[in-house]
N, C-alpha and C. Protein backbone atom coordinates (compact mmCIF):
# COMPACT_ATOMS: atom_id res chain seq x y z
N UNK A 1 0.92 -1.15 0.00
CA UNK A 1 0.00 -0.04 0.01
C UNK A 1 0.84 1.31 -0.01
N UNK A 2 0.60 2.25 -0.77
CA UNK A 2 1.32 3.50 -0.77
C UNK A 2 1.43 4.12 0.59
N UNK A 3 2.70 4.82 0.75
CA UNK A 3 2.84 5.55 2.08
C UNK A 3 1.66 6.54 2.26
N UNK A 4 1.16 7.24 1.19
CA UNK A 4 0.19 8.28 1.22
C UNK A 4 -1.07 7.75 1.94
N UNK A 5 -1.42 6.38 1.64
CA UNK A 5 -2.60 5.96 2.30
C UNK A 5 -2.43 5.56 3.66
N UNK A 6 -1.18 5.19 4.10
CA UNK A 6 -0.93 4.81 5.47
C UNK A 6 -0.86 6.04 6.41
N UNK A 7 -0.21 7.11 5.96
CA UNK A 7 -0.04 8.28 6.53
C UNK A 7 -1.10 9.32 6.83
N UNK A 8 -2.04 9.25 5.97
CA UNK A 8 -3.21 10.24 5.98
C UNK A 8 -4.52 9.62 6.44
N UNK A 9 -5.39 10.36 6.94
CA UNK A 9 -6.61 9.71 7.51
C UNK A 9 -7.32 9.14 6.23
N UNK A 10 -8.12 8.20 6.54
CA UNK A 10 -8.95 7.52 5.42
C UNK A 10 -9.60 8.45 4.62
N UNK A 11 -9.82 8.44 3.35
CA UNK A 11 -10.50 9.20 2.55
C UNK A 11 -11.88 9.41 3.06
N UNK A 12 -12.42 10.62 3.28
CA UNK A 12 -13.79 10.82 3.85
C UNK A 12 -13.91 10.49 5.24
N UNK A 13 -12.74 10.32 5.96
CA UNK A 13 -12.82 9.95 7.32
C UNK A 13 -13.50 10.96 8.19
N UNK A 14 -13.72 10.74 9.52
CA UNK A 14 -14.26 11.77 10.21
C UNK A 14 -13.36 12.95 10.38
N UNK A 15 -12.11 12.61 10.29
CA UNK A 15 -11.07 13.74 10.46
C UNK A 15 -11.13 14.70 9.15
N UNK A 16 -11.83 14.23 8.20
CA UNK A 16 -11.89 15.08 6.96
C UNK A 16 -13.14 15.92 7.01
N UNK A 17 -12.99 17.26 7.15
CA UNK A 17 -14.06 18.08 7.39
C UNK A 17 -14.58 18.80 6.02
N UNK A 18 -13.68 18.72 5.02
CA UNK A 18 -14.08 19.26 3.72
C UNK A 18 -14.06 18.29 2.59
N UNK A 19 -14.74 18.65 1.57
CA UNK A 19 -14.58 17.64 0.43
C UNK A 19 -13.23 17.57 -0.15
N UNK A 20 -12.68 16.35 -0.31
CA UNK A 20 -11.41 16.24 -0.87
C UNK A 20 -11.39 16.26 -2.38
N UNK A 21 -10.48 17.16 -2.89
CA UNK A 21 -10.65 17.34 -4.38
C UNK A 21 -10.41 16.07 -5.22
N UNK A 22 -9.55 15.20 -4.76
CA UNK A 22 -9.41 13.96 -5.46
C UNK A 22 -10.69 13.07 -5.42
N UNK A 23 -11.33 13.09 -4.32
CA UNK A 23 -12.76 12.40 -4.14
C UNK A 23 -13.61 12.94 -5.20
N UNK A 24 -13.63 14.33 -5.22
CA UNK A 24 -14.55 15.07 -6.21
C UNK A 24 -14.31 14.62 -7.58
N UNK A 25 -13.06 14.59 -8.07
CA UNK A 25 -12.53 14.20 -9.28
C UNK A 25 -13.01 12.76 -9.55
N UNK A 26 -12.78 11.85 -8.63
CA UNK A 26 -13.15 10.39 -8.74
C UNK A 26 -14.65 10.33 -9.00
N UNK A 27 -15.57 10.98 -8.09
CA UNK A 27 -16.98 10.97 -8.09
C UNK A 27 -17.42 11.45 -9.54
N UNK A 28 -16.93 12.48 -10.03
CA UNK A 28 -17.29 13.12 -11.24
C UNK A 28 -16.97 12.07 -12.45
N UNK A 29 -15.90 11.38 -12.29
CA UNK A 29 -15.43 10.46 -13.36
C UNK A 29 -16.30 9.31 -13.35
N UNK A 30 -16.85 8.72 -12.28
CA UNK A 30 -17.56 7.51 -12.30
C UNK A 30 -19.10 7.79 -12.28
N UNK A 31 -19.58 8.98 -12.05
CA UNK A 31 -21.05 9.15 -11.79
C UNK A 31 -21.90 8.73 -12.95
N UNK A 32 -21.44 8.52 -14.20
CA UNK A 32 -22.16 8.03 -15.16
C UNK A 32 -21.94 6.44 -15.43
N UNK A 33 -21.13 5.84 -14.45
CA UNK A 33 -20.94 4.43 -14.44
C UNK A 33 -19.46 4.14 -14.55
N UNK A 34 -19.18 2.94 -14.23
CA UNK A 34 -17.71 2.45 -14.30
C UNK A 34 -17.62 1.50 -15.47
N UNK A 35 -16.35 1.44 -16.13
CA UNK A 35 -16.16 0.70 -17.23
C UNK A 35 -16.55 -0.75 -17.05
N UNK A 36 -17.02 -1.31 -18.16
CA UNK A 36 -17.33 -2.86 -18.09
C UNK A 36 -16.08 -3.48 -18.54
N UNK A 37 -14.99 -3.66 -17.72
CA UNK A 37 -13.80 -4.27 -18.10
C UNK A 37 -13.29 -5.17 -16.96
N UNK A 38 -12.27 -6.03 -17.15
CA UNK A 38 -11.94 -6.91 -16.14
C UNK A 38 -11.40 -6.23 -14.86
N UNK A 39 -10.79 -5.13 -15.02
CA UNK A 39 -10.15 -4.34 -13.77
C UNK A 39 -10.63 -2.94 -13.91
N UNK A 40 -11.95 -2.57 -13.55
CA UNK A 40 -12.46 -1.20 -13.81
C UNK A 40 -11.80 -0.19 -12.92
N UNK A 41 -11.30 -0.55 -11.71
CA UNK A 41 -10.74 0.41 -10.68
C UNK A 41 -9.39 0.70 -11.28
N UNK A 42 -8.72 -0.21 -11.98
CA UNK A 42 -7.38 0.19 -12.47
C UNK A 42 -7.50 1.13 -13.62
N UNK A 43 -8.53 0.82 -14.46
CA UNK A 43 -8.81 1.80 -15.56
C UNK A 43 -9.11 3.18 -15.11
N UNK A 44 -9.96 3.27 -14.08
CA UNK A 44 -10.36 4.51 -13.49
C UNK A 44 -9.16 5.09 -12.94
N UNK A 45 -8.29 4.39 -12.19
CA UNK A 45 -7.03 4.91 -11.59
C UNK A 45 -6.12 5.49 -12.71
N UNK A 46 -5.95 4.73 -13.79
CA UNK A 46 -5.10 5.25 -14.84
C UNK A 46 -5.59 6.52 -15.49
N UNK A 47 -6.82 6.68 -15.55
CA UNK A 47 -7.40 7.93 -16.10
C UNK A 47 -7.29 9.17 -15.10
N UNK A 48 -7.12 8.88 -13.87
CA UNK A 48 -7.11 9.96 -12.83
C UNK A 48 -5.68 10.12 -12.19
N UNK A 49 -4.77 9.25 -12.67
CA UNK A 49 -3.35 9.23 -12.09
C UNK A 49 -3.34 8.67 -10.64
N UNK A 50 -4.21 7.72 -10.45
CA UNK A 50 -4.24 6.97 -9.16
C UNK A 50 -3.97 5.50 -9.36
N UNK A 51 -3.59 4.79 -8.19
CA UNK A 51 -3.50 3.32 -8.28
C UNK A 51 -4.77 2.75 -8.15
N UNK A 52 -4.92 1.59 -8.62
CA UNK A 52 -6.12 0.75 -8.41
C UNK A 52 -6.49 0.69 -7.01
N UNK A 53 -5.54 0.45 -6.16
CA UNK A 53 -5.80 0.28 -4.62
C UNK A 53 -6.34 1.55 -4.06
N UNK A 54 -5.73 2.88 -4.59
CA UNK A 54 -6.29 4.02 -4.10
C UNK A 54 -7.74 4.28 -4.43
N UNK A 55 -8.08 3.98 -5.67
CA UNK A 55 -9.51 4.08 -6.13
C UNK A 55 -10.37 3.31 -5.28
N UNK A 56 -10.03 2.07 -5.02
CA UNK A 56 -10.89 1.20 -4.05
C UNK A 56 -10.87 1.78 -2.77
N UNK A 57 -9.95 2.22 -2.23
CA UNK A 57 -9.82 2.73 -0.86
C UNK A 57 -10.61 3.98 -0.76
N UNK A 58 -10.64 4.90 -1.80
CA UNK A 58 -11.28 6.09 -1.71
C UNK A 58 -12.89 5.76 -1.76
N UNK A 59 -13.27 4.84 -2.68
CA UNK A 59 -14.66 4.45 -2.69
C UNK A 59 -15.11 3.94 -1.40
N UNK A 60 -14.38 2.98 -0.80
CA UNK A 60 -14.76 2.51 0.56
C UNK A 60 -14.79 3.58 1.56
N UNK A 61 -13.89 4.50 1.59
CA UNK A 61 -13.93 5.52 2.56
C UNK A 61 -15.22 6.43 2.47
N UNK A 62 -15.60 6.68 1.17
CA UNK A 62 -16.69 7.53 0.87
C UNK A 62 -18.07 6.78 1.32
N UNK A 63 -17.94 5.44 1.21
CA UNK A 63 -19.09 4.63 1.75
C UNK A 63 -19.15 4.58 3.24
N UNK A 64 -18.01 4.36 3.82
CA UNK A 64 -17.88 4.22 5.32
C UNK A 64 -18.29 5.53 5.96
N UNK A 65 -18.07 6.62 5.51
CA UNK A 65 -18.39 7.91 6.07
C UNK A 65 -19.69 8.45 5.70
N UNK A 66 -20.47 7.64 4.83
CA UNK A 66 -21.69 8.01 4.36
C UNK A 66 -21.80 9.28 3.47
N UNK A 67 -20.64 9.60 2.92
CA UNK A 67 -20.51 10.77 1.91
C UNK A 67 -21.16 10.29 0.63
N UNK A 68 -21.13 8.90 0.43
CA UNK A 68 -21.68 8.19 -0.70
C UNK A 68 -22.63 7.25 -0.08
N UNK A 69 -23.90 7.23 -0.21
CA UNK A 69 -24.71 6.40 0.48
C UNK A 69 -24.71 4.95 -0.11
N UNK A 70 -24.64 4.65 -1.36
CA UNK A 70 -24.47 3.40 -1.94
C UNK A 70 -23.79 3.44 -3.15
N UNK A 71 -23.10 2.30 -3.52
CA UNK A 71 -22.43 2.15 -4.86
C UNK A 71 -22.98 0.83 -5.39
N UNK A 72 -23.78 0.96 -6.54
CA UNK A 72 -24.46 -0.25 -7.04
C UNK A 72 -24.76 0.03 -8.53
N UNK A 73 -25.05 -1.03 -9.04
CA UNK A 73 -25.49 -1.01 -10.45
C UNK A 73 -26.93 -0.49 -10.61
N UNK A 74 -27.10 0.09 -11.72
CA UNK A 74 -28.42 0.78 -12.17
C UNK A 74 -29.02 -0.09 -13.23
N UNK A 75 -30.14 -0.62 -13.06
CA UNK A 75 -30.72 -1.41 -14.06
C UNK A 75 -31.67 -0.60 -15.02
N UNK A 76 -31.43 -0.65 -16.19
CA UNK A 76 -32.33 0.03 -17.24
C UNK A 76 -33.64 -0.78 -17.27
N UNK A 77 -34.55 -0.57 -16.31
CA UNK A 77 -35.65 -1.44 -16.15
C UNK A 77 -36.60 -1.68 -17.39
N UNK A 78 -36.68 -0.57 -18.05
CA UNK A 78 -37.59 -0.64 -19.31
C UNK A 78 -36.89 -1.57 -20.39
N UNK A 79 -35.68 -1.63 -20.32
CA UNK A 79 -34.81 -2.53 -21.44
C UNK A 79 -35.06 -3.88 -21.16
N UNK A 80 -35.34 -4.31 -19.78
CA UNK A 80 -35.48 -5.71 -19.42
C UNK A 80 -37.00 -6.16 -19.12
N UNK A 81 -37.98 -5.07 -19.69
CA UNK A 81 -39.30 -5.44 -19.68
C UNK A 81 -40.13 -4.95 -18.56
N UNK A 82 -39.45 -4.18 -17.59
CA UNK A 82 -40.11 -3.82 -16.54
C UNK A 82 -40.82 -2.30 -16.97
N UNK A 83 -42.04 -2.49 -17.49
CA UNK A 83 -42.68 -1.28 -18.22
C UNK A 83 -43.66 -0.57 -17.47
N UNK A 84 -44.03 -1.10 -16.35
CA UNK A 84 -45.21 -0.46 -15.61
C UNK A 84 -44.49 0.28 -14.43
N UNK A 85 -44.68 1.52 -14.29
CA UNK A 85 -44.18 2.35 -13.15
C UNK A 85 -45.43 2.93 -12.48
N UNK A 86 -45.72 2.62 -11.17
CA UNK A 86 -46.95 3.20 -10.60
C UNK A 86 -46.53 4.07 -9.34
N UNK A 87 -46.73 5.31 -9.48
CA UNK A 87 -46.57 6.14 -8.17
C UNK A 87 -47.95 5.96 -7.53
N UNK A 88 -47.85 5.43 -6.28
CA UNK A 88 -49.09 5.32 -5.55
C UNK A 88 -48.95 6.20 -4.50
N UNK A 89 -49.89 7.19 -4.34
CA UNK A 89 -49.91 8.14 -3.23
C UNK A 89 -51.01 7.77 -2.20
N UNK A 90 -50.62 7.91 -0.91
CA UNK A 90 -51.56 7.45 0.20
C UNK A 90 -51.77 8.48 1.15
N UNK A 91 -53.04 8.48 1.68
CA UNK A 91 -53.50 9.33 2.70
C UNK A 91 -53.28 8.51 4.07
N UNK A 92 -52.16 8.95 4.80
CA UNK A 92 -51.86 8.18 6.04
C UNK A 92 -51.94 9.24 7.18
N UNK A 93 -52.61 8.75 8.24
CA UNK A 93 -52.75 9.64 9.47
C UNK A 93 -51.32 9.88 9.89
N UNK A 94 -50.97 11.18 10.33
CA UNK A 94 -49.61 11.60 10.68
C UNK A 94 -49.03 10.55 11.77
N UNK A 95 -49.94 10.23 12.70
CA UNK A 95 -49.18 9.44 13.74
C UNK A 95 -48.88 8.00 13.25
N UNK A 96 -49.34 7.70 12.05
CA UNK A 96 -48.97 6.36 11.50
C UNK A 96 -47.91 6.36 10.33
N UNK A 97 -47.44 7.53 10.06
CA UNK A 97 -46.56 7.61 8.86
C UNK A 97 -45.31 6.91 8.96
N UNK A 98 -44.57 6.93 10.13
CA UNK A 98 -43.46 6.22 10.37
C UNK A 98 -43.67 4.72 10.14
N UNK A 99 -44.48 4.08 10.87
CA UNK A 99 -44.86 2.78 10.87
C UNK A 99 -45.28 2.26 9.44
N UNK A 100 -46.22 2.95 8.80
CA UNK A 100 -46.69 2.67 7.50
C UNK A 100 -45.49 2.66 6.48
N UNK A 101 -44.77 3.71 6.64
CA UNK A 101 -43.65 4.03 5.66
C UNK A 101 -42.70 2.85 5.65
N UNK A 102 -42.36 2.37 6.83
CA UNK A 102 -41.51 1.26 6.86
C UNK A 102 -42.14 -0.03 6.31
N UNK A 103 -43.36 -0.18 6.49
CA UNK A 103 -44.08 -1.44 6.01
C UNK A 103 -43.90 -1.35 4.39
N UNK A 104 -44.30 -0.27 3.91
CA UNK A 104 -44.30 0.01 2.39
C UNK A 104 -42.98 -0.17 1.80
N UNK A 105 -41.96 0.45 2.49
CA UNK A 105 -40.70 0.51 2.02
C UNK A 105 -40.09 -1.05 1.99
N UNK A 106 -40.75 -1.86 2.72
CA UNK A 106 -40.19 -3.25 2.84
C UNK A 106 -40.47 -4.09 1.60
N UNK A 107 -41.39 -3.56 0.73
CA UNK A 107 -41.77 -4.37 -0.45
C UNK A 107 -40.78 -4.22 -1.47
N UNK A 108 -40.23 -5.32 -2.03
CA UNK A 108 -39.09 -5.29 -2.92
C UNK A 108 -39.40 -4.55 -4.21
N UNK A 109 -40.76 -4.46 -4.60
CA UNK A 109 -41.17 -3.68 -5.79
C UNK A 109 -41.15 -2.37 -5.53
N UNK A 110 -41.07 -1.81 -4.40
CA UNK A 110 -41.09 -0.42 -4.03
C UNK A 110 -39.68 0.13 -4.11
N UNK A 111 -39.41 1.11 -4.91
CA UNK A 111 -38.04 1.60 -5.10
C UNK A 111 -37.87 3.03 -4.33
N UNK A 112 -38.95 3.64 -4.30
CA UNK A 112 -38.89 4.95 -3.59
C UNK A 112 -40.15 5.05 -2.50
N UNK A 113 -39.87 5.62 -1.45
CA UNK A 113 -41.00 5.74 -0.44
C UNK A 113 -40.70 7.06 0.31
N UNK A 114 -41.60 8.02 0.11
CA UNK A 114 -41.32 9.37 0.76
C UNK A 114 -42.52 9.87 1.45
N UNK A 115 -42.28 10.65 2.47
CA UNK A 115 -43.34 11.42 3.09
C UNK A 115 -43.21 12.78 2.51
N UNK A 116 -44.39 13.31 2.17
CA UNK A 116 -44.37 14.80 1.62
C UNK A 116 -45.51 15.53 2.23
N UNK A 117 -45.41 16.90 2.12
CA UNK A 117 -46.56 17.71 2.71
C UNK A 117 -47.81 17.45 2.08
N UNK A 118 -48.83 17.85 2.66
CA UNK A 118 -50.29 17.71 2.14
C UNK A 118 -50.63 19.19 1.83
N UNK A 119 -51.75 19.38 1.09
CA UNK A 119 -52.29 20.71 0.79
C UNK A 119 -53.79 20.53 0.85
N UNK A 120 -54.56 21.66 0.83
CA UNK A 120 -55.97 21.54 1.00
C UNK A 120 -56.64 20.67 -0.05
N UNK A 121 -56.10 20.90 -1.29
CA UNK A 121 -56.74 20.02 -2.42
C UNK A 121 -55.89 18.74 -2.70
N UNK A 122 -54.81 18.46 -1.91
CA UNK A 122 -54.11 17.24 -2.07
C UNK A 122 -53.63 16.56 -0.72
N UNK A 123 -54.53 15.63 -0.29
CA UNK A 123 -54.40 15.15 1.16
C UNK A 123 -53.33 14.03 1.25
N UNK A 124 -52.75 13.68 0.17
CA UNK A 124 -51.79 12.40 0.21
C UNK A 124 -50.41 12.74 0.64
N UNK A 125 -49.96 12.11 1.59
CA UNK A 125 -48.70 12.44 2.25
C UNK A 125 -47.55 11.37 2.20
N UNK A 126 -47.95 10.08 1.68
CA UNK A 126 -46.93 8.96 1.54
C UNK A 126 -46.91 8.56 0.04
N UNK A 127 -45.73 8.72 -0.47
CA UNK A 127 -45.54 8.49 -1.97
C UNK A 127 -44.63 7.18 -2.10
N UNK A 128 -45.31 6.19 -2.88
CA UNK A 128 -44.47 4.91 -3.04
C UNK A 128 -44.37 4.76 -4.61
N UNK A 129 -43.14 4.42 -4.99
CA UNK A 129 -42.89 4.16 -6.53
C UNK A 129 -42.87 2.61 -6.64
N UNK A 130 -43.59 2.08 -7.43
CA UNK A 130 -43.81 0.67 -7.57
C UNK A 130 -43.34 0.22 -9.00
N UNK A 131 -42.61 -0.79 -9.27
CA UNK A 131 -42.13 -1.18 -10.66
C UNK A 131 -42.67 -2.61 -10.75
N UNK A 132 -43.32 -2.88 -12.04
CA UNK A 132 -43.71 -4.31 -12.37
C UNK A 132 -43.60 -4.35 -13.89
N UNK A 133 -43.86 -5.62 -14.36
CA UNK A 133 -43.81 -5.99 -15.74
C UNK A 133 -45.18 -5.42 -16.34
N UNK A 134 -46.08 -5.45 -15.68
CA UNK A 134 -47.51 -4.97 -16.13
C UNK A 134 -48.14 -4.12 -15.06
N UNK A 135 -49.19 -3.45 -15.46
CA UNK A 135 -50.01 -2.65 -14.55
C UNK A 135 -50.73 -3.56 -13.54
N UNK A 136 -51.00 -4.67 -13.95
CA UNK A 136 -51.80 -5.74 -13.09
C UNK A 136 -50.80 -6.16 -11.93
N UNK A 137 -49.44 -6.28 -12.24
CA UNK A 137 -48.54 -6.67 -11.43
C UNK A 137 -48.33 -5.67 -10.14
N UNK A 138 -48.30 -4.35 -10.71
CA UNK A 138 -48.24 -3.27 -9.70
C UNK A 138 -49.43 -3.22 -8.83
N UNK A 139 -50.57 -3.42 -9.31
CA UNK A 139 -51.90 -3.40 -8.64
C UNK A 139 -51.90 -4.51 -7.62
N UNK A 140 -51.38 -5.70 -7.85
CA UNK A 140 -51.28 -6.73 -6.96
C UNK A 140 -50.52 -6.35 -5.68
N UNK A 141 -49.34 -5.57 -5.92
CA UNK A 141 -48.55 -5.05 -4.90
C UNK A 141 -49.24 -4.05 -4.08
N UNK A 142 -50.01 -3.19 -4.71
CA UNK A 142 -50.59 -2.22 -3.95
C UNK A 142 -51.86 -2.92 -3.16
N UNK A 143 -52.46 -3.84 -3.65
CA UNK A 143 -53.48 -4.61 -2.86
C UNK A 143 -52.74 -5.30 -1.61
N UNK A 144 -51.62 -5.78 -1.72
CA UNK A 144 -50.78 -6.24 -0.72
C UNK A 144 -50.53 -5.22 0.32
N UNK A 145 -50.06 -3.96 -0.14
CA UNK A 145 -49.74 -3.05 0.67
C UNK A 145 -50.98 -2.58 1.52
N UNK A 146 -52.16 -2.41 0.82
CA UNK A 146 -53.45 -2.09 1.45
C UNK A 146 -53.71 -3.02 2.70
N UNK A 147 -53.70 -4.39 2.34
CA UNK A 147 -53.91 -5.31 3.32
C UNK A 147 -52.92 -5.34 4.50
N UNK A 148 -51.62 -4.98 4.31
CA UNK A 148 -50.68 -4.92 5.43
C UNK A 148 -50.82 -3.64 6.20
N UNK A 149 -51.48 -2.61 5.64
CA UNK A 149 -51.51 -1.36 6.35
C UNK A 149 -52.94 -0.97 6.78
N UNK A 150 -53.84 -1.56 6.15
CA UNK A 150 -55.21 -1.26 6.49
C UNK A 150 -55.64 0.11 5.74
N UNK A 151 -54.91 0.68 4.83
CA UNK A 151 -55.24 1.93 4.20
C UNK A 151 -56.18 1.69 2.97
N UNK A 152 -57.02 2.75 2.83
CA UNK A 152 -57.97 2.58 1.68
C UNK A 152 -57.88 3.82 0.72
N UNK A 153 -57.36 4.95 1.38
CA UNK A 153 -57.48 6.15 0.52
C UNK A 153 -56.19 6.41 -0.12
N UNK A 154 -56.14 6.07 -1.42
CA UNK A 154 -54.88 6.20 -2.32
C UNK A 154 -55.36 6.50 -3.85
N UNK A 155 -54.27 7.02 -4.56
CA UNK A 155 -54.44 7.22 -5.97
C UNK A 155 -53.19 6.68 -6.69
N UNK A 156 -53.46 5.93 -7.82
CA UNK A 156 -52.25 5.46 -8.56
C UNK A 156 -51.99 6.36 -9.75
N UNK A 157 -50.89 6.75 -9.91
CA UNK A 157 -50.48 7.48 -11.06
C UNK A 157 -49.50 6.74 -11.83
N UNK A 158 -49.87 6.36 -13.05
CA UNK A 158 -48.94 5.59 -13.93
C UNK A 158 -48.13 6.40 -14.84
N UNK A 159 -46.86 6.03 -14.98
CA UNK A 159 -45.91 6.72 -15.84
C UNK A 159 -46.35 6.47 -17.28
N UNK A 160 -46.35 7.62 -18.12
CA UNK A 160 -46.77 7.43 -19.47
C UNK A 160 -45.49 7.50 -20.36
N UNK A 161 -44.49 8.44 -19.98
CA UNK A 161 -43.26 8.67 -20.86
C UNK A 161 -42.21 9.07 -19.87
N UNK A 162 -41.09 8.51 -20.00
CA UNK A 162 -39.84 8.97 -19.31
C UNK A 162 -39.13 9.89 -20.18
N UNK A 163 -38.89 11.18 -19.57
CA UNK A 163 -38.21 12.20 -20.25
C UNK A 163 -36.62 12.16 -19.89
N UNK A 164 -36.50 11.87 -18.56
CA UNK A 164 -35.01 11.97 -17.99
C UNK A 164 -34.99 11.07 -16.76
N UNK A 165 -33.83 10.30 -16.69
CA UNK A 165 -33.73 9.62 -15.45
C UNK A 165 -32.19 9.65 -15.11
N UNK A 166 -31.65 10.29 -14.16
CA UNK A 166 -30.34 10.26 -13.76
C UNK A 166 -30.15 10.30 -12.33
N UNK A 167 -28.99 9.98 -11.90
CA UNK A 167 -28.74 10.06 -10.42
C UNK A 167 -28.30 11.42 -10.25
N UNK A 168 -27.90 11.81 -8.94
CA UNK A 168 -27.49 13.07 -8.58
C UNK A 168 -26.12 13.25 -9.21
N UNK A 169 -25.92 14.38 -9.65
CA UNK A 169 -24.60 14.88 -10.24
C UNK A 169 -23.87 15.88 -9.45
N UNK A 170 -22.49 15.77 -9.60
CA UNK A 170 -21.67 16.79 -8.78
C UNK A 170 -20.88 17.55 -9.81
């Protein structure tokens, strides 16, 4: 391991109070994906003037310190046939939001689950995004969610067209 990595605090460590410029360069480089090659971290390192080990160490440090929440593959769900996307909005009593939110988030078909403010003409405060191969498949999940929570007041909003989908950019 390089002397640099032994002598300095771990990348993104609690000792690090500001954003490290090398971490920023690394994140900008990989934010659109990592190369699909045998040694992607070596290729990334070569492009940034870093060793393969340093790239791996920096990514681990960013994850450990929660500066990066997760590092995962993103599936182009429409390309594999998951064509139904249902945003189901629920009216949940405020005292039940925490418990209901955890139940709904536990469904593997739910990719997003958020509490949002209500308005006089929009009483729905819990939003769940459900993905399935068909609308019927999404509706079965919604039925199961209803049974597990006892909720009856909801609206299903189906996606018609995707204009843009990206992760957060830096």
